Protein backbone atom coordinates (compact mmCIF):
# COMPACT_ATOMS: atom_id res chain seq x y z
CA UNK A 1 89.27 104.01 78.12
CA UNK A 2 88.99 100.45 76.89
CA UNK A 3 87.20 99.04 73.92
CA UNK A 4 84.09 96.93 74.32
CA UNK A 5 85.01 93.48 75.66
CA UNK A 6 88.60 94.34 76.66
CA UNK A 7 89.51 93.93 80.32
CA UNK A 8 90.14 97.17 82.17
CA UNK A 9 92.87 95.64 84.30
CA UNK A 10 95.80 93.29 83.82
CA UNK A 11 97.30 90.47 85.88
CA UNK A 12 100.32 92.57 86.85
CA UNK A 13 98.07 95.06 88.66
CA UNK A 14 97.34 92.57 91.45
CA UNK A 15 94.11 92.18 93.36
CA UNK A 16 91.44 94.77 92.75
CA UNK A 17 89.83 94.52 96.19
CA UNK A 18 91.54 96.71 98.73
CA UNK A 19 92.46 95.09 102.06
CA UNK A 20 89.98 97.16 104.06
CA UNK A 21 87.19 95.75 101.90
CA UNK A 22 88.22 92.20 102.83
CA UNK A 23 87.92 93.08 106.53
CA UNK A 24 84.81 95.22 105.94
CA UNK A 25 86.64 98.27 107.17
CA UNK A 26 87.72 96.77 110.50
CA UNK A 27 91.19 97.53 111.76
CA UNK A 28 90.91 95.56 115.01
CA UNK A 29 90.34 91.82 115.21
CA UNK A 30 87.89 89.78 117.26
CA UNK A 31 89.64 90.36 120.58
CA UNK A 32 92.60 88.03 120.11
CA UNK A 33 95.97 89.70 120.40
CA UNK A 34 97.73 87.81 117.61
CA UNK A 35 101.41 88.14 116.96
CA UNK A 36 102.99 87.38 113.61
CA UNK A 37 104.60 84.34 115.28
CA UNK A 38 101.33 83.02 116.73
CA UNK A 39 100.77 79.48 115.46
CA UNK A 40 97.30 78.57 114.22
CA UNK A 41 95.81 75.21 113.25
CA UNK A 42 92.35 73.98 112.30
CA UNK A 43 90.31 72.84 115.31
CA UNK A 44 89.49 69.13 115.51
CA UNK A 45 85.75 69.63 115.84
CA UNK A 46 85.39 72.85 113.92
CA UNK A 47 81.88 73.92 112.95
CA UNK A 48 80.88 74.25 109.32
CA UNK A 49 82.36 77.38 107.78
CA UNK A 50 79.47 79.75 107.05
CA UNK A 51 81.49 82.60 105.63
CA UNK A 52 81.39 82.90 101.87
CA UNK A 53 84.50 85.01 101.41
CA UNK A 54 87.23 82.98 99.69
CA UNK A 55 89.93 84.27 102.05
CA UNK A 56 88.35 82.52 105.03
CA UNK A 57 88.11 79.14 103.31
CA UNK A 58 91.68 79.48 102.02
CA UNK A 59 92.95 80.12 105.55
CA UNK A 60 91.05 77.14 106.97
CA UNK A 61 92.42 74.87 104.22
CA UNK A 62 95.97 76.07 104.84
CA UNK A 63 95.80 75.58 108.58
CA UNK A 64 95.29 71.82 108.52
CA UNK A 65 98.94 71.87 109.52
CA UNK A 66 100.26 74.38 112.07
CA UNK A 67 101.38 77.66 110.54
CA UNK A 68 102.36 81.03 111.92
CA UNK A 69 100.14 84.00 111.13
CA UNK A 70 103.00 85.41 109.04
CA UNK A 71 103.15 82.21 106.95
CA UNK A 72 99.39 82.34 106.42
CA UNK A 73 99.61 85.98 105.31
CA UNK A 74 102.40 85.21 102.85
CA UNK A 75 100.57 82.22 101.40
CA UNK A 76 97.20 83.94 100.91
CA UNK A 77 99.02 87.10 99.71
CA UNK A 78 97.30 89.49 102.12
CA UNK A 79 98.86 92.09 104.40
CA UNK A 80 99.69 90.84 107.89
CA UNK A 81 97.20 93.21 109.55
CA UNK A 82 94.36 91.93 107.36
CA UNK A 83 95.34 88.32 107.97
CA UNK A 84 95.37 88.88 111.74
CA UNK A 85 91.78 90.12 111.57
CA UNK A 86 90.59 87.21 109.44
CA UNK A 87 92.41 84.64 111.60
CA UNK A 88 90.95 86.29 114.71
CA UNK A 89 87.47 85.91 113.24
CA UNK A 90 88.08 82.22 112.57
CA UNK A 91 89.43 81.68 116.10
CA UNK A 92 86.39 83.42 117.56
CA UNK A 93 84.05 81.16 115.58
CA UNK A 94 85.89 77.99 116.66
CA UNK A 95 87.43 77.10 113.29
CA UNK A 96 91.03 77.64 114.38
CA UNK A 97 92.95 77.22 117.61
CA UNK A 98 96.11 79.13 118.38
CA UNK A 99 99.19 79.13 120.52
CA UNK A 100 100.86 82.40 121.34
CA UNK A 101 104.62 82.65 120.90
CA UNK A 102 106.94 82.30 123.89
CA UNK A 103 107.07 85.47 125.94
CA UNK A 104 110.27 87.50 125.53
CA UNK A 105 110.99 87.46 129.28
CA UNK A 106 111.59 83.71 129.09
CA UNK A 107 115.29 83.26 128.43
CA UNK A 108 117.33 80.32 127.21
CA UNK A 109 117.70 79.04 130.77
CA UNK A 110 113.95 78.94 131.49
CA UNK A 111 113.19 75.46 132.83
CA UNK A 112 109.63 75.47 131.47
CA UNK A 113 110.88 75.98 127.93
CA UNK A 114 113.57 73.35 128.34
CA UNK A 115 111.00 70.87 129.68
CA UNK A 116 108.66 71.61 126.79
CA UNK A 117 111.46 71.05 124.28
CA UNK A 118 112.45 67.80 125.99
CA UNK A 119 108.81 66.60 125.95
CA UNK A 120 108.59 67.44 122.25
CA UNK A 121 111.76 65.52 121.49
CA UNK A 122 110.48 62.51 123.44
CA UNK A 123 107.27 62.51 121.42
CA UNK A 124 109.24 62.25 118.17
């Protein structure tokens, strides 16, 4: 028990809100099958963010440059599963766009990948 006016937690304890509270109990996202390597970036003509939760605005601010979902999770200090749900919500509302990682069946000799790499190098 704490005395009047003393905090009942300390900074070392970490966040007090459990991850399921951030997602409102959801364990499945908004229909986007996001991988930890999926790259997300803020959409050019994104609508005004209407969500008041600070996690959503932090993700939108971070994604002004392309980041993987794993990088977003590490930066906002949330579990990957929670971050996938939040990012999926933002994609569904048009705030973020995403690009799925290369499929594992595409090998190092896949001409489409080699062409994409060559196009990227040319754009530099």
